[in-house]
C-alpha atoms as a PDB file:
ATOM      1  CA  MET A   1      70.452  96.058 108.904  1.00  0.00           C
ATOM      2  CA  ALA A   2      71.511  92.479 108.907  1.00  0.00           C
ATOM      3  CA  GLU A   3      69.346  89.739 110.564  1.00  0.00           C
ATOM      4  CA  GLU A   4      70.419  88.203 113.812  1.00  0.00           C
ATOM      5  CA  GLY A   5      72.958  85.673 113.344  1.00  0.00           C
ATOM      6  CA  LYS A   6      74.031  87.401 110.069  1.00  0.00           C
ATOM      7  CA  LEU A   7      75.769  90.536 111.558  1.00  0.00           C
ATOM      8  CA  ASN A   8      79.374  91.180 110.411  1.00  0.00           C
ATOM      9  CA  HIS A   9      82.165  92.015 112.820  1.00  0.00           C
ATOM     10  CA  ALA A  10      81.689  95.801 112.416  1.00  0.00           C
ATOM     11  CA  GLU A  11      77.929  95.513 112.993  1.00  0.00           C
ATOM     12  CA  ARG A  12      78.394  93.514 116.206  1.00  0.00           C
ATOM     13  CA  ALA A  13      81.126  95.850 117.511  1.00  0.00           C
ATOM     14  CA  SER A  14      78.700  98.807 116.770  1.00  0.00           C
ATOM     15  CA  LEU A  15      75.619  97.169 118.465  1.00  0.00           C
ATOM     16  CA  LEU A  16      77.707  96.451 121.358  1.00  0.00           C
ATOM     17  CA  LEU A  17      78.891 100.045 121.770  1.00  0.00           C
ATOM     18  CA  LEU A  18      75.205 101.282 121.447  1.00  0.00           C
ATOM     19  CA  ALA A  19      74.257  98.749 124.070  1.00  0.00           C
ATOM     20  CA  VAL A  20      76.686  99.831 126.751  1.00  0.00           C
ATOM     21  CA  GLY A  21      75.795 103.527 126.783  1.00  0.00           C
ATOM     22  CA  GLN A  22      77.443 106.779 125.594  1.00  0.00           C
ATOM     23  CA  ASP A  23      80.257 107.125 128.390  1.00  0.00           C
ATOM     24  CA  ARG A  24      81.479 103.534 128.069  1.00  0.00           C
ATOM     25  CA  ALA A  25      81.426 103.691 124.244  1.00  0.00           C
ATOM     26  CA  ALA A  26      83.439 106.940 124.301  1.00  0.00           C
ATOM     27  CA  ALA A  27      86.014 105.323 126.646  1.00  0.00           C
ATOM     28  CA  VAL A  28      86.265 102.431 124.235  1.00  0.00           C
ATOM     29  CA  LEU A  29      86.551 104.671 121.116  1.00  0.00           C
ATOM     30  CA  LYS A  30      89.500 106.588 122.857  1.00  0.00           C
ATOM     31  CA  ASN A  31      91.556 103.381 122.685  1.00  0.00           C
ATOM     32  CA  MET A  32      90.826 102.651 118.884  1.00  0.00           C
ATOM     33  CA  GLY A  33      92.660 103.869 115.840  1.00  0.00           C
ATOM     34  CA  PRO A  34      91.184 106.548 113.304  1.00  0.00           C
ATOM     35  CA  LYS A  35      90.165 103.894 110.676  1.00  0.00           C
ATOM     36  CA  GLU A  36      88.442 101.696 113.360  1.00  0.00           C
ATOM     37  CA  VAL A  37      86.621 104.789 114.733  1.00  0.00           C
ATOM     38  CA  GLN A  38      85.460 105.809 111.367  1.00  0.00           C
ATOM     39  CA  MET A  39      84.356 102.195 110.373  1.00  0.00           C
ATOM     40  CA  VAL A  40      82.487 101.649 113.586  1.00  0.00           C
ATOM     41  CA  GLY A  41      80.922 105.248 113.561  1.00  0.00           C
ATOM     42  CA  SER A  42      79.760 104.663 109.967  1.00  0.00           C
ATOM     43  CA  THR A  43      78.357 101.418 110.740  1.00  0.00           C
ATOM     44  CA  MET A  44      76.470 102.751 113.788  1.00  0.00           C
ATOM     45  CA  ALA A  45      74.811 105.369 111.457  1.00  0.00           C
ATOM     46  CA  ARG A  46      73.757 102.722 109.019  1.00  0.00           C
ATOM     47  CA  LEU A  47      72.238 100.376 111.740  1.00  0.00           C
ATOM     48  CA  GLY A  48      68.427 100.111 111.446  1.00  0.00           C
ATOM     49  CA  PRO A  49      65.945  98.649 113.824  1.00  0.00           C
ATOM     50  CA  ILE A  50      67.510  96.741 116.621  1.00  0.00           C
ATOM     51  CA  SER A  51      65.675  93.972 118.434  1.00  0.00           C
ATOM     52  CA  SER A  52      66.372  92.826 121.979  1.00  0.00           C
ATOM     53  CA  ASP A  53      67.238  89.359 120.588  1.00  0.00           C
ATOM     54  CA  MET A  54      69.979  91.113 118.667  1.00  0.00           C
ATOM     55  CA  VAL A  55      71.373  92.772 121.694  1.00  0.00           C
ATOM     56  CA  ASP A  56      71.158  89.768 123.764  1.00  0.00           C
ATOM     57  CA  SER A  57      72.965  87.589 121.194  1.00  0.00           C
ATOM     58  CA  VAL A  58      75.798  90.202 120.870  1.00  0.00           C
ATOM     59  CA  LEU A  59      76.233  90.614 124.534  1.00  0.00           C
ATOM     60  CA  GLU A  60      76.255  86.989 125.320  1.00  0.00           C
ATOM     61  CA  ASP A  61      78.731  86.253 122.562  1.00  0.00           C
ATOM     62  CA  PHE A  62      81.083  89.128 124.043  1.00  0.00           C
ATOM     63  CA  ILE A  63      80.896  87.870 127.574  1.00  0.00           C
ATOM     64  CA  SER A  64      81.883  84.354 126.304  1.00  0.00           C
ATOM     65  CA  GLN A  65      84.805  85.671 124.588  1.00  0.00           C
ATOM     66  CA  VAL A  66      85.899  87.666 127.580  1.00  0.00           C
ATOM     67  CA  LYS A  67      85.710  84.739 129.820  1.00  0.00           C
ATOM     68  CA  ASN A  68      87.915  82.754 127.583  1.00  0.00           C
ATOM     69  CA  GLU A  69      90.622  85.406 127.394  1.00  0.00           C
ATOM     70  CA  THR A  70      93.940  83.973 129.318  1.00  0.00           C
ATOM     71  CA  GLY A  71      95.595  87.221 129.471  1.00  0.00           C
ATOM     72  CA  LEU A  72      93.317  89.141 131.744  1.00  0.00           C
ATOM     73  CA  GLY A  73      94.936  90.328 134.943  1.00  0.00           C
ATOM     74  CA  MET A  74      98.416  89.814 133.671  1.00  0.00           C
ATOM     75  CA  ASP A  75     101.122  92.532 132.987  1.00  0.00           C
ATOM     76  CA  SER A  76     100.489  93.194 129.272  1.00  0.00           C
ATOM     77  CA  ASP A  77     104.008  93.801 128.422  1.00  0.00           C
ATOM     78  CA  GLU A  78     105.177  90.681 130.099  1.00  0.00           C
ATOM     79  CA  TYR A  79     102.313  88.585 128.450  1.00  0.00           C
ATOM     80  CA  ILE A  80     103.260  89.960 124.847  1.00  0.00           C
ATOM     81  CA  ARG A  81     106.892  88.965 125.476  1.00  0.00           C
ATOM     82  CA  ASN A  82     106.173  85.536 126.710  1.00  0.00           C
ATOM     83  CA  MET A  83     103.716  84.817 124.127  1.00  0.00           C
ATOM     84  CA  LEU A  84     105.756  85.867 121.107  1.00  0.00           C
ATOM     85  CA  THR A  85     108.985  84.257 122.504  1.00  0.00           C
ATOM     86  CA  ASN A  86     107.087  80.957 122.918  1.00  0.00           C
ATOM     87  CA  ALA A  87     105.598  81.202 119.429  1.00  0.00           C
ATOM     88  CA  LEU A  88     108.636  82.415 117.572  1.00  0.00           C
ATOM     89  CA  GLY A  89     111.624  81.776 119.777  1.00  0.00           C
ATOM     90  CA  ALA A  90     113.808  84.363 121.305  1.00  0.00           C
ATOM     91  CA  GLU A  91     115.802  85.415 118.319  1.00  0.00           C
ATOM     92  CA  LYS A  92     112.822  85.976 115.920  1.00  0.00           C
ATOM     93  CA  ALA A  93     110.593  87.496 118.575  1.00  0.00           C
ATOM     94  CA  GLY A  94     113.218  89.993 119.782  1.00  0.00           C
ATOM     95  CA  SER A  95     112.904  92.562 116.980  1.00  0.00           C
ATOM     96  CA  ILE A  96     109.161  92.095 116.879  1.00  0.00           C
ATOM     97  CA  ILE A  97     108.647  92.696 120.607  1.00  0.00           C
ATOM     98  CA  ASP A  98     110.835  95.716 120.637  1.00  0.00           C
ATOM     99  CA  ARG A  99     108.756  97.224 117.912  1.00  0.00           C
ATOM    100  CA  ILE A 100     105.522  96.450 119.517  1.00  0.00           C
ATOM    101  CA  LEU A 101     106.416  97.915 122.855  1.00  0.00           C
ATOM    102  CA  LEU A 102     108.140 100.746 121.371  1.00  0.00           C
ATOM    103  CA  GLY A 103     104.972 101.534 119.327  1.00  0.00           C
ATOM    104  CA  ALA A 104     102.775 101.118 122.388  1.00  0.00           C
ATOM    105  CA  ASN A 105     104.624 104.193 124.095  1.00  0.00           C
ATOM    106  CA  SER A 106     104.816 106.000 120.816  1.00  0.00           C
ATOM    107  CA  LYS A 107     102.430 109.164 120.983  1.00  0.00           C
ATOM    108  CA  GLY A 108     104.139 110.731 117.998  1.00  0.00           C
ATOM    109  CA  ILE A 109     103.304 108.169 115.717  1.00  0.00           C
ATOM    110  CA  GLU A 110      99.709 107.780 116.870  1.00  0.00           C
ATOM    111  CA  GLN A 111      99.198 111.356 116.444  1.00  0.00           C
ATOM    112  CA  LEU A 112     100.562 111.138 112.710  1.00  0.00           C
ATOM    113  CA  LYS A 113      97.850 108.383 112.186  1.00  0.00           C
ATOM    114  CA  TRP A 114      95.229 110.930 112.975  1.00  0.00           C
ATOM    115  CA  MET A 115      96.645 113.556 110.847  1.00  0.00           C
ATOM    116  CA  ASP A 116      95.359 114.560 107.339  1.00  0.00           C
ATOM    117  CA  THR A 117      97.664 113.020 104.686  1.00  0.00           C
ATOM    118  CA  ARG A 118      98.332 116.365 103.135  1.00  0.00           C
ATOM    119  CA  ALA A 119      99.541 117.779 106.637  1.00  0.00           C
ATOM    120  CA  ILE A 120     101.741 114.791 107.097  1.00  0.00           C
ATOM    121  CA  ALA A 121     103.281 115.499 103.406  1.00  0.00           C
ATOM    122  CA  ASP A 122     103.898 119.107 104.263  1.00  0.00           C
ATOM    123  CA  LEU A 123     105.475 118.279 107.585  1.00  0.00           C
ATOM    124  CA  ILE A 124     108.140 115.653 106.208  1.00  0.00           C
ATOM    125  CA  ARG A 125     108.427 116.861 102.394  1.00  0.00           C
ATOM    126  CA  LEU A 126     111.755 118.760 103.277  1.00  0.00           C
ATOM    127  CA  GLU A 127     113.286 116.045 105.596  1.00  0.00           C
ATOM    128  CA  HIS A 128     116.032 113.763 104.453  1.00  0.00           C
ATOM    129  CA  PRO A 129     114.584 110.820 102.283  1.00  0.00           C
ATOM    130  CA  GLN A 130     115.727 108.228 104.974  1.00  0.00           C
ATOM    131  CA  ILE A 131     113.674 110.018 107.546  1.00  0.00           C
ATOM    132  CA  ILE A 132     110.705 110.092 105.467  1.00  0.00           C
ATOM    133  CA  ALA A 133     111.180 106.513 104.643  1.00  0.00           C
ATOM    134  CA  ILE A 134     111.222 105.503 108.320  1.00  0.00           C
ATOM    135  CA  ILE A 135     108.106 107.770 109.110  1.00  0.00           C
ATOM    136  CA  LEU A 136     106.087 106.043 106.068  1.00  0.00           C
ATOM    137  CA  SER A 137     107.199 102.650 107.267  1.00  0.00           C
ATOM    138  CA  LEU A 138     105.632 103.273 110.719  1.00  0.00           C
ATOM    139  CA  LEU A 139     102.181 104.328 109.150  1.00  0.00           C
ATOM    140  CA  ASP A 140      99.502 102.135 107.617  1.00  0.00           C
ATOM    141  CA  ALA A 141     100.217 101.182 104.221  1.00  0.00           C
ATOM    142  CA  ASP A 142      97.152 102.962 102.705  1.00  0.00           C
ATOM    143  CA  GLN A 143      98.151 106.157 104.625  1.00  0.00           C
ATOM    144  CA  SER A 144     101.717 105.947 103.306  1.00  0.00           C
ATOM    145  CA  ALA A 145     100.469 105.623  99.862  1.00  0.00           C
ATOM    146  CA  GLU A 146      98.619 108.769 100.039  1.00  0.00           C
ATOM    147  CA  VAL A 147     101.398 110.639 101.740  1.00  0.00           C
ATOM    148  CA  LEU A 148     103.763 109.432  99.099  1.00  0.00           C
ATOM    149  CA  THR A 149     101.474 110.482  96.254  1.00  0.00           C
ATOM    150  CA  LEU A 150     101.466 114.053  97.731  1.00  0.00           C
ATOM    151  CA  LEU A 151     105.409 114.227  97.685  1.00  0.00           C
ATOM    152  CA  PRO A 152     107.398 115.595  94.817  1.00  0.00           C
ATOM    153  CA  SER A 153     107.477 113.084  91.876  1.00  0.00           C
ATOM    154  CA  ASN A 154     111.323 113.045  92.023  1.00  0.00           C
ATOM    155  CA  LEU A 155     111.338 112.094  95.594  1.00  0.00           C
ATOM    156  CA  ARG A 156     108.939 109.053  95.555  1.00  0.00           C
ATOM    157  CA  SER A 157     111.033 106.340  94.048  1.00  0.00           C
ATOM    158  CA  ASP A 158     113.964 107.107  96.208  1.00  0.00           C
ATOM    159  CA  VAL A 159     111.834 107.066  99.441  1.00  0.00           C
ATOM    160  CA  LEU A 160     110.211 103.718  98.249  1.00  0.00           C
ATOM    161  CA  MET A 161     113.606 102.077  97.489  1.00  0.00           C
ATOM    162  CA  ARG A 162     114.769 103.121 101.120  1.00  0.00           C
ATOM    163  CA  ILE A 163     111.626 101.670 102.664  1.00  0.00           C
ATOM    164  CA  ALA A 164     112.196  98.448 100.683  1.00  0.00           C
ATOM    165  CA  THR A 165     115.852  98.284 101.782  1.00  0.00           C
ATOM    166  CA  LEU A 166     115.246  99.219 105.556  1.00  0.00           C
ATOM    167  CA  GLU A 167     116.363  96.472 108.025  1.00  0.00           C
ATOM    168  CA  GLY A 168     116.120  98.276 111.189  1.00  0.00           C
ATOM    169  CA  VAL A 169     115.973 101.669 112.844  1.00  0.00           C
ATOM    170  CA  GLN A 170     118.611 102.515 115.376  1.00  0.00           C
ATOM    171  CA  PRO A 171     117.913 104.826 118.314  1.00  0.00           C
ATOM    172  CA  ALA A 172     119.995 107.581 116.783  1.00  0.00           C
ATOM    173  CA  ALA A 173     117.544 107.509 113.850  1.00  0.00           C
ATOM    174  CA  LEU A 174     114.556 107.439 116.166  1.00  0.00           C
ATOM    175  CA  ARG A 175     115.912 110.582 117.790  1.00  0.00           C
ATOM    176  CA  GLU A 176     115.829 112.362 114.419  1.00  0.00           C
ATOM    177  CA  LEU A 177     112.180 111.181 114.131  1.00  0.00           C
ATOM    178  CA  ASP A 178     111.483 112.580 117.567  1.00  0.00           C
ATOM    179  CA  ASP A 179     112.889 116.099 116.302  1.00  0.00           C
ATOM    180  CA  ILE A 180     110.410 116.044 113.526  1.00  0.00           C
ATOM    181  CA  MET A 181     107.302 115.182 115.570  1.00  0.00           C
ATOM    182  CA  GLU A 182     108.544 116.790 118.696  1.00  0.00           C
ATOM    183  CA  LYS A 183     107.456 113.692 120.566  1.00  0.00           C
ATOM    184  CA  GLN A 184     109.560 111.237 122.580  1.00  0.00           C
ATOM    185  CA  LEU A 185     109.663 107.732 120.903  1.00  0.00           C
ATOM    186  CA  THR A 186     112.283 106.190 122.821  1.00  0.00           C
ATOM    187  CA  GLY A 187     114.030 107.411 126.038  1.00  0.00           C
ATOM    188  CA  SER A 188     116.976 105.089 126.032  1.00  0.00           C
ATOM    189  CA  ASP A 189     119.944 104.331 123.957  1.00  0.00           C
ATOM    190  CA  SER A 190     119.925 100.845 125.088  1.00  0.00           C
ATOM    191  CA  VAL A 191     116.783 100.132 122.976  1.00  0.00           C
ATOM    192  CA  LYS A 192     117.472  97.597 120.302  1.00  0.00           C
ATOM    193  CA  SER A 193     116.801  98.417 116.523  1.00  0.00           C
ATOM    194  CA  SER A 194     113.056  98.167 115.530  1.00  0.00           C
ATOM    195  CA  VAL A 195     112.466  96.263 112.400  1.00  0.00           C
ATOM    196  CA  VAL A 196     110.588  98.533 110.054  1.00  0.00           C
ATOM    197  CA  GLY A 197     110.124  98.684 106.181  1.00  0.00           C
ATOM    198  CA  GLY A 198     111.323  96.099 103.919  1.00  0.00           C
ATOM    199  CA  VAL A 199     110.204  94.858 100.603  1.00  0.00           C
ATOM    200  CA  ASP A 200     106.791  93.766 102.069  1.00  0.00           C
ATOM    201  CA  ALA A 201     106.163  97.239 103.344  1.00  0.00           C
ATOM    202  CA  ALA A 202     107.257  98.899 100.087  1.00  0.00           C
ATOM    203  CA  ALA A 203     104.775  96.555  97.935  1.00  0.00           C
ATOM    204  CA  ASN A 204     101.893  97.174 100.384  1.00  0.00           C
ATOM    205  CA  ILE A 205     102.387 100.797  99.907  1.00  0.00           C
ATOM    206  CA  LEU A 206     102.515 100.410  96.129  1.00  0.00           C
ATOM    207  CA  ASN A 207      99.187  98.489  96.213  1.00  0.00           C
ATOM    208  CA  PHE A 208      97.396 101.387  97.582  1.00  0.00           C
ATOM    209  CA  MET A 209      98.683 103.990  95.005  1.00  0.00           C
ATOM    210  CA  GLU A 210      97.045 104.902  91.791  1.00  0.00           C
ATOM    211  CA  GLY A 211      98.107 102.689  88.939  1.00  0.00           C
ATOM    212  CA  SER A 212     100.026 105.248  86.707  1.00  0.00           C
ATOM    213  CA  ILE A 213     102.057 106.534  89.688  1.00  0.00           C
ATOM    214  CA  SER A 214     102.964 102.996  90.957  1.00  0.00           C
ATOM    215  CA  GLU A 215     103.965 102.063  87.543  1.00  0.00           C
ATOM    216  CA  SER A 216     106.198 105.143  86.914  1.00  0.00           C
ATOM    217  CA  MET A 217     107.832 104.603  90.287  1.00  0.00           C
ATOM    218  CA  MET A 218     108.542 100.811  89.670  1.00  0.00           C
ATOM    219  CA  GLU A 219     110.043 101.932  86.292  1.00  0.00           C
ATOM    220  CA  ASP A 220     112.489 104.200  88.181  1.00  0.00           C
ATOM    221  CA  ILE A 221     113.439 101.497  90.760  1.00  0.00           C
ATOM    222  CA  ASN A 222     113.913  98.788  87.876  1.00  0.00           C
ATOM    223  CA  GLU A 223     116.267 101.151  86.192  1.00  0.00           C
ATOM    224  CA  THR A 224     118.354 101.739  89.458  1.00  0.00           C
ATOM    225  CA  SER A 225     118.032  98.212  91.010  1.00  0.00           C
ATOM    226  CA  PRO A 226     116.276  95.621  88.831  1.00  0.00           C
ATOM    227  CA  ASP A 227     116.868  92.966  91.718  1.00  0.00           C
ATOM    228  CA  LEU A 228     115.038  95.148  94.186  1.00  0.00           C
ATOM    229  CA  GLY A 229     112.351  95.908  91.612  1.00  0.00           C
ATOM    230  CA  GLN A 230     111.637  92.266  90.948  1.00  0.00           C
ATOM    231  CA  GLN A 231     111.610  91.444  94.709  1.00  0.00           C
ATOM    232  CA  ILE A 232     108.945  94.379  95.188  1.00  0.00           C
ATOM    233  CA  GLN A 233     106.903  93.204  92.239  1.00  0.00           C
ATOM    234  CA  ASP A 234     106.892  89.733  93.371  1.00  0.00           C
ATOM    235  CA  LYS A 235     105.330  90.786  96.715  1.00  0.00           C
ATOM    236  CA  MET A 236     102.724  93.055  95.319  1.00  0.00           C
ATOM    237  CA  PHE A 237      99.004  91.704  95.556  1.00  0.00           C
ATOM    238  CA  VAL A 238      96.759  93.054  92.947  1.00  0.00           C
ATOM    239  CA  PHE A 239      92.993  92.817  92.571  1.00  0.00           C
ATOM    240  CA  GLU A 240      93.302  90.076  89.871  1.00  0.00           C
ATOM    241  CA  ASP A 241      95.363  87.851  92.500  1.00  0.00           C
ATOM    242  CA  LEU A 242      91.878  87.347  94.378  1.00  0.00           C
ATOM    243  CA  VAL A 243      91.372  84.603  91.833  1.00  0.00           C
ATOM    244  CA  ALA A 244      94.068  82.476  93.886  1.00  0.00           C
ATOM    245  CA  VAL A 245      91.971  82.830  97.044  1.00  0.00           C
ATOM    246  CA  ASP A 246      90.020  79.805  97.927  1.00  0.00           C
ATOM    247  CA  ASP A 247      86.152  79.689  97.967  1.00  0.00           C
ATOM    248  CA  ARG A 248      85.791  79.979 101.697  1.00  0.00           C
ATOM    249  CA  GLY A 249      88.053  83.135 101.612  1.00  0.00           C
ATOM    250  CA  ILE A 250      86.074  84.644  98.685  1.00  0.00           C
ATOM    251  CA  GLN A 251      82.764  83.966 100.572  1.00  0.00           C
ATOM    252  CA  THR A 252      84.005  85.651 103.606  1.00  0.00           C
ATOM    253  CA  LEU A 253      85.217  88.660 101.688  1.00  0.00           C
ATOM    254  CA  LEU A 254      82.051  89.095  99.760  1.00  0.00           C
ATOM    255  CA  ARG A 255      80.094  89.380 103.241  1.00  0.00           C
ATOM    256  CA  GLU A 256      82.140  92.521 103.910  1.00  0.00           C
ATOM    257  CA  VAL A 257      81.809  94.159 100.383  1.00  0.00           C
ATOM    258  CA  SER A 258      79.045  96.006  99.003  1.00  0.00           C
ATOM    259  CA  THR A 259      77.262  95.116  95.841  1.00  0.00           C
ATOM    260  CA  ASP A 260      77.967  98.720  94.635  1.00  0.00           C
ATOM    261  CA  GLN A 261      81.705  98.331  95.363  1.00  0.00           C
ATOM    262  CA  LEU A 262      81.773  94.806  93.625  1.00  0.00           C
ATOM    263  CA  LEU A 263      79.865  96.274  90.499  1.00  0.00           C
ATOM    264  CA  VAL A 264      82.614  98.917  89.974  1.00  0.00           C
ATOM    265  CA  ALA A 265      85.579  96.782  90.725  1.00  0.00           C
ATOM    266  CA  LEU A 266      84.634  94.013  88.354  1.00  0.00           C
ATOM    267  CA  ARG A 267      84.492  96.181  85.121  1.00  0.00           C
ATOM    268  CA  GLY A 268      87.085  95.185  82.869  1.00  0.00           C
ATOM    269  CA  VAL A 269      88.690  92.353  84.949  1.00  0.00           C
ATOM    270  CA  ASP A 270      89.519  88.875  83.658  1.00  0.00           C
ATOM    271  CA  ASP A 271      86.722  86.382  83.255  1.00  0.00           C
ATOM    272  CA  ARG A 272      88.316  83.905  85.494  1.00  0.00           C
ATOM    273  CA  LEU A 273      87.974  86.173  88.594  1.00  0.00           C
ATOM    274  CA  LYS A 274      84.418  87.061  87.564  1.00  0.00           C
ATOM    275  CA  ASP A 275      83.599  83.429  87.338  1.00  0.00           C
ATOM    276  CA  LYS A 276      85.377  82.975  90.779  1.00  0.00           C
ATOM    277  CA  ILE A 277      83.134  85.763  92.294  1.00  0.00           C
ATOM    278  CA  PHE A 278      79.871  84.556  90.686  1.00  0.00           C
ATOM    279  CA  SER A 279      80.465  80.915  91.803  1.00  0.00           C
ATOM    280  CA  ASN A 280      80.563  81.881  95.398  1.00  0.00           C
ATOM    281  CA  MET A 281      77.281  83.913  95.395  1.00  0.00           C
ATOM    282  CA  SER A 282      73.833  82.653  95.187  1.00  0.00           C
ATOM    283  CA  LYS A 283      72.543  82.054  91.908  1.00  0.00           C
ATOM    284  CA  ARG A 284      70.054  84.789  92.058  1.00  0.00           C
ATOM    285  CA  ALA A 285      72.760  87.404  93.306  1.00  0.00           C
ATOM    286  CA  ALA A 286      75.147  86.216  90.637  1.00  0.00           C
ATOM    287  CA  GLU A 287      72.536  86.726  87.817  1.00  0.00           C
ATOM    288  CA  MET A 288      71.634  90.184  89.267  1.00  0.00           C
ATOM    289  CA  LEU A 289      75.432  91.216  89.239  1.00  0.00           C
ATOM    290  CA  LYS A 290      75.855  89.836  85.539  1.00  0.00           C
ATOM    291  CA  ASP A 291      72.782  92.036  84.535  1.00  0.00           C
ATOM    292  CA  ASP A 292      74.003  94.938  86.113  1.00  0.00           C
ATOM    293  CA  LEU A 293      77.452  94.690  84.809  1.00  0.00           C
ATOM    294  CA  GLU A 294      76.034  94.478  81.324  1.00  0.00           C
ATOM    295  CA  ALA A 295      73.628  97.359  81.763  1.00  0.00           C
ATOM    296  CA  SER A 296      75.791  99.824  83.692  1.00  0.00           C
ATOM    297  CA  PRO A 297      77.470 102.796  81.794  1.00  0.00           C
ATOM    298  CA  PRO A 298      81.199 103.028  81.344  1.00  0.00           C
ATOM    299  CA  THR A 299      83.003 103.817  84.391  1.00  0.00           C
ATOM    300  CA  LYS A 300      86.111 106.005  85.021  1.00  0.00           C
ATOM    301  CA  LEU A 301      89.481 103.978  85.452  1.00  0.00           C
ATOM    302  CA  SER A 302      90.213 105.900  88.431  1.00  0.00           C
ATOM    303  CA  GLU A 303      86.926 104.873  90.053  1.00  0.00           C
ATOM    304  CA  VAL A 304      87.447 101.144  89.074  1.00  0.00           C
ATOM    305  CA  GLU A 305      91.010 101.374  90.657  1.00  0.00           C
ATOM    306  CA  MET A 306      89.646 102.944  93.810  1.00  0.00           C
ATOM    307  CA  ALA A 307      86.967 100.270  94.227  1.00  0.00           C
ATOM    308  CA  GLN A 308      89.430  97.551  93.722  1.00  0.00           C
ATOM    309  CA  LYS A 309      91.889  99.023  96.382  1.00  0.00           C
ATOM    310  CA  ASP A 310      88.927  99.279  98.865  1.00  0.00           C
ATOM    311  CA  ILE A 311      88.071  95.629  98.356  1.00  0.00           C
ATOM    312  CA  LEU A 312      91.894  94.745  98.553  1.00  0.00           C
ATOM    313  CA  SER A 313      92.138  96.788 101.834  1.00  0.00           C
ATOM    314  CA  ILE A 314      89.195  94.760 103.353  1.00  0.00           C
ATOM    315  CA  ALA A 315      90.823  91.519 102.023  1.00  0.00           C
ATOM    316  CA  LYS A 316      94.127  92.326 103.717  1.00  0.00           C
ATOM    317  CA  LYS A 317      92.447  93.230 107.099  1.00  0.00           C
ATOM    318  CA  LEU A 318      90.528  89.756 106.828  1.00  0.00           C
ATOM    319  CA  ALA A 319      93.938  88.095 106.262  1.00  0.00           C
ATOM    320  CA  ASP A 320      95.705  89.878 109.096  1.00  0.00           C
ATOM    321  CA  SER A 321      92.961  88.612 111.506  1.00  0.00           C
ATOM    322  CA  GLY A 322      93.268  84.987 110.007  1.00  0.00           C
ATOM    323  CA  GLU A 323      89.817  85.125 108.163  1.00  0.00           C
ATOM    324  CA  LEU A 324      91.281  84.327 104.911  1.00  0.00           C
ATOM    325  CA  SER A 325      94.691  83.626 103.072  1.00  0.00           C
ATOM    326  CA  LEU A 326      95.874  85.930 100.370  1.00  0.00           C
ATOM    327  CA  GLY A 327      98.139  84.320  97.695  1.00  0.00           C
ATOM    328  CA  GLY A 328     100.373  86.497  95.436  1.00  0.00           C
ATOM    329  CA  GLY A 329     103.619  86.439  93.791  1.00  0.00           C
ATOM    330  CA  GLY A 330     103.846  82.668  94.709  1.00  0.00           C
ATOM    331  CA  ASP A 331     104.054  83.321  98.400  1.00  0.00           C
ATOM    332  CA  GLU A 332     101.220  83.169 100.912  1.00  0.00           C
ATOM    333  CA  LEU A 333     100.397  86.464 102.739  1.00  0.00           C
ATOM    334  CA  VAL A 334      98.818  85.866 106.141  1.00  0.00           C
END
């Protein structure tokens, strides 16, 4: 268990849920996604002795943050519309607002997110590739990657290309999606197109796929559409690209990554990235990790890739929350 003042976000959230009691904690968990529930549950199980000072610190911090919320008591839909319109302008915010508010009422997609990836693959494998592309665009990238891996090999590249070239989903297409999931996603033809997919989505999905499979798919795409293949390649962020993250970002990432994960992920990577990692650790921790790398036995490539993908997943979540910036393919991902 981390000491007071050194708790990471997952530990603070877990401690807070333990402090509020079973019923309140259960009510909170009902409003969280499957990955969040798994992360918090695992962290709860790992929590060691909890002091009263730790509980007081987390509760005080939570109360302080709640007091600073400006959206409390407002209609949430209206608040989201006003916030995004003020931030992005009416034109840019329009499609984002439609997707957010559509997704908020989309029970079918939420149900899919809780399903086993093999069950999702079995559900959609006989559907039209365009329908499959829409569904995968609405799931998280790592879940989509697992589903795509389970689909027939001759279908994967076609679906990924469709994801990369998606510009919007019209109500008619959403009705087809309704038929597949037997859930109502939209109840009006007046709903504007919802922006899903795109090159970024395709690149993110490929980032979570096994190296040999993603390489094979990229070869197929490059043969069919070299320009599109290059666009996807430019947006992909691989483990070695972490060398472009600033020192503060690396330090933030290292606080969320276990030593065991790092030990496996660093096998065979470029010395520049290793030096980047070592330079952002304490001298003692860096020396211990170097010694472990030299002394540890050979590791399967699949295990190394999995550890790297896990760390990349953590990095992307930190980037989404604004805690670090990822630089890849010459563009900054935030």
